Amino acid sequence: MVEITLHPVYSCKNCRNIVALRDDIISKDFVAKSGKGYMFSRGMNMAIGAKEDKQLISGYFSIAPIFCTQCDEEMGWTYIKAFDAPQKYKEGKYVFEMVKLLKEF
């Protein structure tokens, strides 16, 4: 488990395990299963689930769910592959559902 003392950070709302840094936010304009989502350039303290191909709002992708390593809460997804050229920038990025995150300073 990675521990970071830099602030602000985003933690799992369920167990307060640090999963992302504010400085890594790419976009605050994503739609997740439960509402608003943020895209991050990286995440931490996460396990990646099984890959699946899925049609999303912005195109067709291979994605995998991401889970908190401390409490196993599903936090969002990571983009494995974008099938549309304009969406390639999303590959390797993480989308967290904001209802699953706690912003800490």
N, C-alpha and C. Protein backbone atom coordinates (compact mmCIF):
# COMPACT_ATOMS: atom_id res chain seq x y z
N MET A 1 0.84 -1.17 0.00
CA MET A 1 0.00 0.00 0.00
C MET A 1 0.89 1.24 0.00
N VAL A 2 0.59 2.17 -0.87
CA VAL A 2 1.34 3.42 -0.97
C VAL A 2 0.77 4.41 0.02
N GLU A 3 1.62 5.06 0.78
CA GLU A 3 1.18 6.12 1.68
C GLU A 3 1.81 7.42 1.22
N ILE A 4 0.98 8.43 1.06
CA ILE A 4 1.43 9.74 0.59
C ILE A 4 1.10 10.77 1.66
N THR A 5 2.00 11.67 1.90
CA THR A 5 1.73 12.72 2.88
C THR A 5 1.45 14.06 2.21
N LEU A 6 1.50 14.11 0.88
CA LEU A 6 1.17 15.33 0.15
C LEU A 6 -0.34 15.56 0.20
N HIS A 7 -0.74 16.80 0.19
CA HIS A 7 -2.17 17.10 0.22
C HIS A 7 -2.49 18.11 -0.84
N PRO A 8 -3.65 18.20 -1.37
CA PRO A 8 -4.81 17.36 -1.06
C PRO A 8 -4.77 16.03 -1.82
N VAL A 9 -5.47 15.08 -1.26
CA VAL A 9 -5.56 13.74 -1.83
C VAL A 9 -7.03 13.32 -1.88
N TYR A 10 -7.29 12.29 -2.65
CA TYR A 10 -8.60 11.65 -2.67
C TYR A 10 -8.46 10.27 -2.08
N SER A 11 -9.35 9.94 -1.15
CA SER A 11 -9.33 8.66 -0.47
C SER A 11 -10.62 7.91 -0.72
N CYS A 12 -10.57 6.61 -0.49
CA CYS A 12 -11.78 5.78 -0.54
C CYS A 12 -12.71 6.25 0.58
N LYS A 13 -13.93 6.56 0.24
CA LYS A 13 -14.89 7.05 1.22
C LYS A 13 -15.19 5.98 2.28
N ASN A 14 -15.05 4.73 1.92
CA ASN A 14 -15.37 3.62 2.81
C ASN A 14 -14.31 3.40 3.88
N CYS A 15 -13.00 3.49 3.49
CA CYS A 15 -11.94 3.14 4.45
C CYS A 15 -10.84 4.19 4.57
N ARG A 16 -10.90 5.24 3.78
CA ARG A 16 -9.94 6.35 3.77
C ARG A 16 -8.56 5.98 3.25
N ASN A 17 -8.47 4.91 2.48
CA ASN A 17 -7.24 4.53 1.79
C ASN A 17 -6.99 5.54 0.67
N ILE A 18 -5.82 6.13 0.59
CA ILE A 18 -5.51 7.12 -0.44
C ILE A 18 -5.44 6.43 -1.80
N VAL A 19 -6.21 6.98 -2.78
CA VAL A 19 -6.26 6.37 -4.11
C VAL A 19 -5.81 7.32 -5.23
N ALA A 20 -5.76 8.62 -4.97
CA ALA A 20 -5.37 9.56 -6.03
C ALA A 20 -4.94 10.90 -5.43
N LEU A 21 -4.15 11.62 -6.22
CA LEU A 21 -3.73 12.98 -5.85
C LEU A 21 -4.48 14.00 -6.68
N ARG A 22 -4.82 15.11 -6.08
CA ARG A 22 -5.53 16.16 -6.82
C ARG A 22 -4.74 16.64 -8.03
N ASP A 23 -3.43 16.69 -7.91
CA ASP A 23 -2.59 17.15 -9.01
C ASP A 23 -2.68 16.26 -10.24
N ASP A 24 -3.21 15.06 -10.10
CA ASP A 24 -3.32 14.12 -11.21
C ASP A 24 -4.67 14.17 -11.93
N ILE A 25 -5.54 15.10 -11.55
CA ILE A 25 -6.84 15.23 -12.23
C ILE A 25 -6.63 15.74 -13.64
N ILE A 26 -7.21 15.05 -14.60
CA ILE A 26 -7.19 15.46 -16.01
C ILE A 26 -8.50 16.15 -16.37
N SER A 27 -9.61 15.60 -15.89
CA SER A 27 -10.92 16.14 -16.24
C SER A 27 -11.92 15.87 -15.12
N LYS A 28 -12.80 16.83 -14.89
CA LYS A 28 -13.90 16.68 -13.93
C LYS A 28 -15.23 16.52 -14.66
N ASP A 29 -15.17 16.16 -15.92
CA ASP A 29 -16.36 16.15 -16.77
C ASP A 29 -16.69 14.74 -17.28
N PHE A 30 -16.76 13.77 -16.37
CA PHE A 30 -17.09 12.40 -16.75
C PHE A 30 -18.37 11.96 -16.07
N VAL A 31 -19.06 11.04 -16.72
CA VAL A 31 -20.27 10.45 -16.16
C VAL A 31 -19.94 9.02 -15.77
N ALA A 32 -20.15 8.69 -14.50
CA ALA A 32 -19.90 7.35 -13.98
C ALA A 32 -21.25 6.68 -13.68
N LYS A 33 -21.21 5.44 -13.24
CA LYS A 33 -22.44 4.69 -12.93
C LYS A 33 -23.33 5.45 -11.96
N SER A 34 -22.72 6.04 -10.95
CA SER A 34 -23.49 6.67 -9.88
C SER A 34 -23.54 8.19 -10.00
N GLY A 35 -23.13 8.73 -11.13
CA GLY A 35 -23.16 10.19 -11.31
C GLY A 35 -21.83 10.72 -11.80
N LYS A 36 -21.37 11.78 -11.17
CA LYS A 36 -20.15 12.48 -11.59
C LYS A 36 -18.90 11.63 -11.39
N GLY A 37 -17.99 11.76 -12.36
CA GLY A 37 -16.70 11.08 -12.27
C GLY A 37 -15.57 12.01 -12.66
N TYR A 38 -14.39 11.77 -12.10
CA TYR A 38 -13.19 12.52 -12.44
C TYR A 38 -12.19 11.58 -13.09
N MET A 39 -11.51 12.06 -14.13
CA MET A 39 -10.45 11.28 -14.75
C MET A 39 -9.11 11.72 -14.17
N PHE A 40 -8.30 10.73 -13.78
CA PHE A 40 -6.97 10.96 -13.21
C PHE A 40 -5.92 10.31 -14.11
N SER A 41 -4.75 10.92 -14.16
CA SER A 41 -3.65 10.35 -14.94
C SER A 41 -3.08 9.10 -14.27
N ARG A 42 -3.23 9.01 -12.96
CA ARG A 42 -2.79 7.81 -12.26
C ARG A 42 -3.62 7.61 -11.01
N GLY A 43 -3.57 6.40 -10.51
CA GLY A 43 -4.23 6.05 -9.27
C GLY A 43 -3.26 5.23 -8.43
N MET A 44 -3.60 4.99 -7.19
CA MET A 44 -2.73 4.21 -6.32
C MET A 44 -3.57 3.38 -5.35
N ASN A 45 -2.95 2.38 -4.79
CA ASN A 45 -3.62 1.50 -3.83
C ASN A 45 -4.89 0.90 -4.40
N MET A 46 -4.81 0.48 -5.67
CA MET A 46 -5.96 -0.10 -6.36
C MET A 46 -5.61 -1.44 -6.96
N ALA A 47 -6.61 -2.30 -7.02
CA ALA A 47 -6.51 -3.56 -7.76
C ALA A 47 -7.34 -3.40 -9.02
N ILE A 48 -6.89 -4.01 -10.09
CA ILE A 48 -7.60 -3.92 -11.37
C ILE A 48 -8.29 -5.24 -11.64
N GLY A 49 -9.58 -5.15 -11.97
CA GLY A 49 -10.39 -6.34 -12.23
C GLY A 49 -10.26 -6.83 -13.67
N ALA A 50 -11.18 -7.70 -14.04
CA ALA A 50 -11.17 -8.31 -15.38
C ALA A 50 -11.55 -7.30 -16.45
N LYS A 51 -10.81 -7.36 -17.55
CA LYS A 51 -11.04 -6.47 -18.69
C LYS A 51 -12.34 -6.86 -19.40
N GLU A 52 -13.06 -5.84 -19.89
CA GLU A 52 -14.23 -6.08 -20.73
C GLU A 52 -14.31 -5.00 -21.80
N ASP A 53 -14.83 -5.37 -22.96
CA ASP A 53 -15.07 -4.41 -24.03
C ASP A 53 -16.46 -3.84 -23.83
N LYS A 54 -16.56 -2.51 -23.91
CA LYS A 54 -17.82 -1.87 -23.56
C LYS A 54 -18.02 -0.59 -24.36
N GLN A 55 -19.27 -0.35 -24.77
CA GLN A 55 -19.65 0.90 -25.41
C GLN A 55 -19.95 1.92 -24.31
N LEU A 56 -19.21 3.01 -24.29
CA LEU A 56 -19.44 4.10 -23.35
C LEU A 56 -19.94 5.31 -24.13
N ILE A 57 -20.25 6.38 -23.44
CA ILE A 57 -20.78 7.58 -24.08
C ILE A 57 -19.86 8.09 -25.18
N SER A 58 -18.55 8.06 -24.93
CA SER A 58 -17.60 8.65 -25.89
C SER A 58 -17.01 7.65 -26.89
N GLY A 59 -17.42 6.39 -26.83
CA GLY A 59 -16.90 5.43 -27.79
C GLY A 59 -16.81 4.02 -27.24
N TYR A 60 -16.15 3.16 -28.01
CA TYR A 60 -15.99 1.76 -27.65
C TYR A 60 -14.60 1.55 -27.05
N PHE A 61 -14.53 0.90 -25.89
CA PHE A 61 -13.28 0.76 -25.14
C PHE A 61 -13.15 -0.63 -24.53
N SER A 62 -11.92 -1.02 -24.24
CA SER A 62 -11.64 -2.10 -23.30
C SER A 62 -11.35 -1.40 -21.98
N ILE A 63 -12.12 -1.74 -20.97
CA ILE A 63 -11.96 -1.13 -19.64
C ILE A 63 -11.88 -2.24 -18.60
N ALA A 64 -11.45 -1.88 -17.41
CA ALA A 64 -11.41 -2.81 -16.29
C ALA A 64 -11.81 -2.05 -15.03
N PRO A 65 -12.61 -2.67 -14.17
CA PRO A 65 -12.97 -1.99 -12.92
C PRO A 65 -11.75 -1.85 -12.02
N ILE A 66 -11.76 -0.82 -11.18
CA ILE A 66 -10.70 -0.61 -10.20
C ILE A 66 -11.30 -0.71 -8.81
N PHE A 67 -10.55 -1.34 -7.90
CA PHE A 67 -11.03 -1.60 -6.55
C PHE A 67 -10.01 -1.10 -5.53
N CYS A 68 -10.50 -0.58 -4.42
CA CYS A 68 -9.64 -0.19 -3.30
C CYS A 68 -8.96 -1.45 -2.76
N THR A 69 -7.64 -1.38 -2.57
CA THR A 69 -6.91 -2.56 -2.08
C THR A 69 -7.15 -2.82 -0.60
N GLN A 70 -7.66 -1.84 0.11
CA GLN A 70 -7.86 -2.02 1.54
C GLN A 70 -9.24 -2.62 1.86
N CYS A 71 -10.30 -2.14 1.20
CA CYS A 71 -11.66 -2.61 1.54
C CYS A 71 -12.37 -3.29 0.37
N ASP A 72 -11.75 -3.32 -0.81
CA ASP A 72 -12.29 -3.97 -2.01
C ASP A 72 -13.51 -3.25 -2.60
N GLU A 73 -13.70 -1.99 -2.26
CA GLU A 73 -14.80 -1.20 -2.82
C GLU A 73 -14.49 -0.90 -4.29
N GLU A 74 -15.47 -1.10 -5.17
CA GLU A 74 -15.28 -0.72 -6.57
C GLU A 74 -15.30 0.80 -6.66
N MET A 75 -14.25 1.38 -7.25
CA MET A 75 -14.07 2.83 -7.27
C MET A 75 -14.37 3.48 -8.62
N GLY A 76 -14.35 2.71 -9.69
CA GLY A 76 -14.52 3.25 -11.03
C GLY A 76 -13.92 2.29 -12.03
N TRP A 77 -13.18 2.83 -13.02
CA TRP A 77 -12.58 1.97 -14.04
C TRP A 77 -11.32 2.60 -14.61
N THR A 78 -10.54 1.76 -15.27
CA THR A 78 -9.38 2.22 -16.01
C THR A 78 -9.57 1.86 -17.47
N TYR A 79 -9.09 2.72 -18.34
CA TYR A 79 -9.16 2.48 -19.79
C TYR A 79 -7.94 1.64 -20.19
N ILE A 80 -8.20 0.48 -20.74
CA ILE A 80 -7.13 -0.38 -21.23
C ILE A 80 -6.83 -0.05 -22.69
N LYS A 81 -7.89 0.05 -23.51
CA LYS A 81 -7.72 0.33 -24.94
C LYS A 81 -8.90 1.13 -25.45
N ALA A 82 -8.62 2.13 -26.29
CA ALA A 82 -9.65 2.89 -26.99
C ALA A 82 -9.64 2.43 -28.45
N PHE A 83 -10.79 2.10 -28.98
CA PHE A 83 -10.87 1.63 -30.36
C PHE A 83 -11.01 2.77 -31.37
N ASP A 84 -11.33 3.96 -30.89
CA ASP A 84 -11.46 5.13 -31.75
C ASP A 84 -10.22 6.02 -31.55
N ALA A 85 -9.57 6.40 -32.64
CA ALA A 85 -8.33 7.17 -32.57
C ALA A 85 -8.42 8.43 -31.71
N PRO A 86 -9.49 9.25 -31.80
CA PRO A 86 -9.54 10.47 -30.99
C PRO A 86 -9.62 10.20 -29.47
N GLN A 87 -9.93 8.97 -29.08
CA GLN A 87 -10.07 8.63 -27.66
C GLN A 87 -8.83 7.95 -27.07
N LYS A 88 -7.78 7.79 -27.87
CA LYS A 88 -6.57 7.09 -27.43
C LYS A 88 -5.92 7.73 -26.20
N TYR A 89 -6.12 9.04 -26.01
CA TYR A 89 -5.52 9.72 -24.86
C TYR A 89 -6.02 9.16 -23.53
N LYS A 90 -7.14 8.44 -23.54
CA LYS A 90 -7.71 7.88 -22.30
C LYS A 90 -7.02 6.59 -21.86
N GLU A 91 -6.30 5.97 -22.76
CA GLU A 91 -5.65 4.70 -22.42
C GLU A 91 -4.71 4.87 -21.23
N GLY A 92 -4.84 3.97 -20.26
CA GLY A 92 -4.00 4.03 -19.07
C GLY A 92 -4.46 5.01 -18.02
N LYS A 93 -5.57 5.69 -18.26
CA LYS A 93 -6.10 6.67 -17.31
C LYS A 93 -7.18 6.02 -16.44
N TYR A 94 -7.55 6.69 -15.35
CA TYR A 94 -8.49 6.16 -14.36
C TYR A 94 -9.66 7.12 -14.18
N VAL A 95 -10.86 6.57 -14.13
CA VAL A 95 -12.04 7.37 -13.81
C VAL A 95 -12.58 6.88 -12.47
N PHE A 96 -12.63 7.80 -11.53
CA PHE A 96 -13.16 7.50 -10.20
C PHE A 96 -14.57 8.08 -10.07
N GLU A 97 -15.47 7.31 -9.48
CA GLU A 97 -16.81 7.81 -9.18
C GLU A 97 -16.70 8.71 -7.96
N MET A 98 -17.16 9.93 -8.08
CA MET A 98 -17.00 10.90 -7.01
C MET A 98 -17.74 10.51 -5.73
N VAL A 99 -18.84 9.78 -5.83
CA VAL A 99 -19.55 9.36 -4.62
C VAL A 99 -18.74 8.34 -3.82
N LYS A 100 -17.70 7.77 -4.42
CA LYS A 100 -16.86 6.78 -3.73
C LYS A 100 -15.62 7.42 -3.13
N LEU A 101 -15.41 8.73 -3.37
CA LEU A 101 -14.20 9.41 -2.93
C LEU A 101 -14.45 10.41 -1.81
N LEU A 102 -13.43 10.60 -1.02
CA LEU A 102 -13.42 11.62 0.02
C LEU A 102 -12.23 12.52 -0.26
N LYS A 103 -12.46 13.82 -0.45
CA LYS A 103 -11.37 14.77 -0.69
C LYS A 103 -10.80 15.19 0.66
N GLU A 104 -9.49 14.99 0.81
CA GLU A 104 -8.85 15.31 2.08
C GLU A 104 -7.73 16.32 1.85
N PHE A 105 -7.56 17.22 2.80
CA PHE A 105 -6.53 18.26 2.70
C PHE A 105 -5.42 18.01 3.69
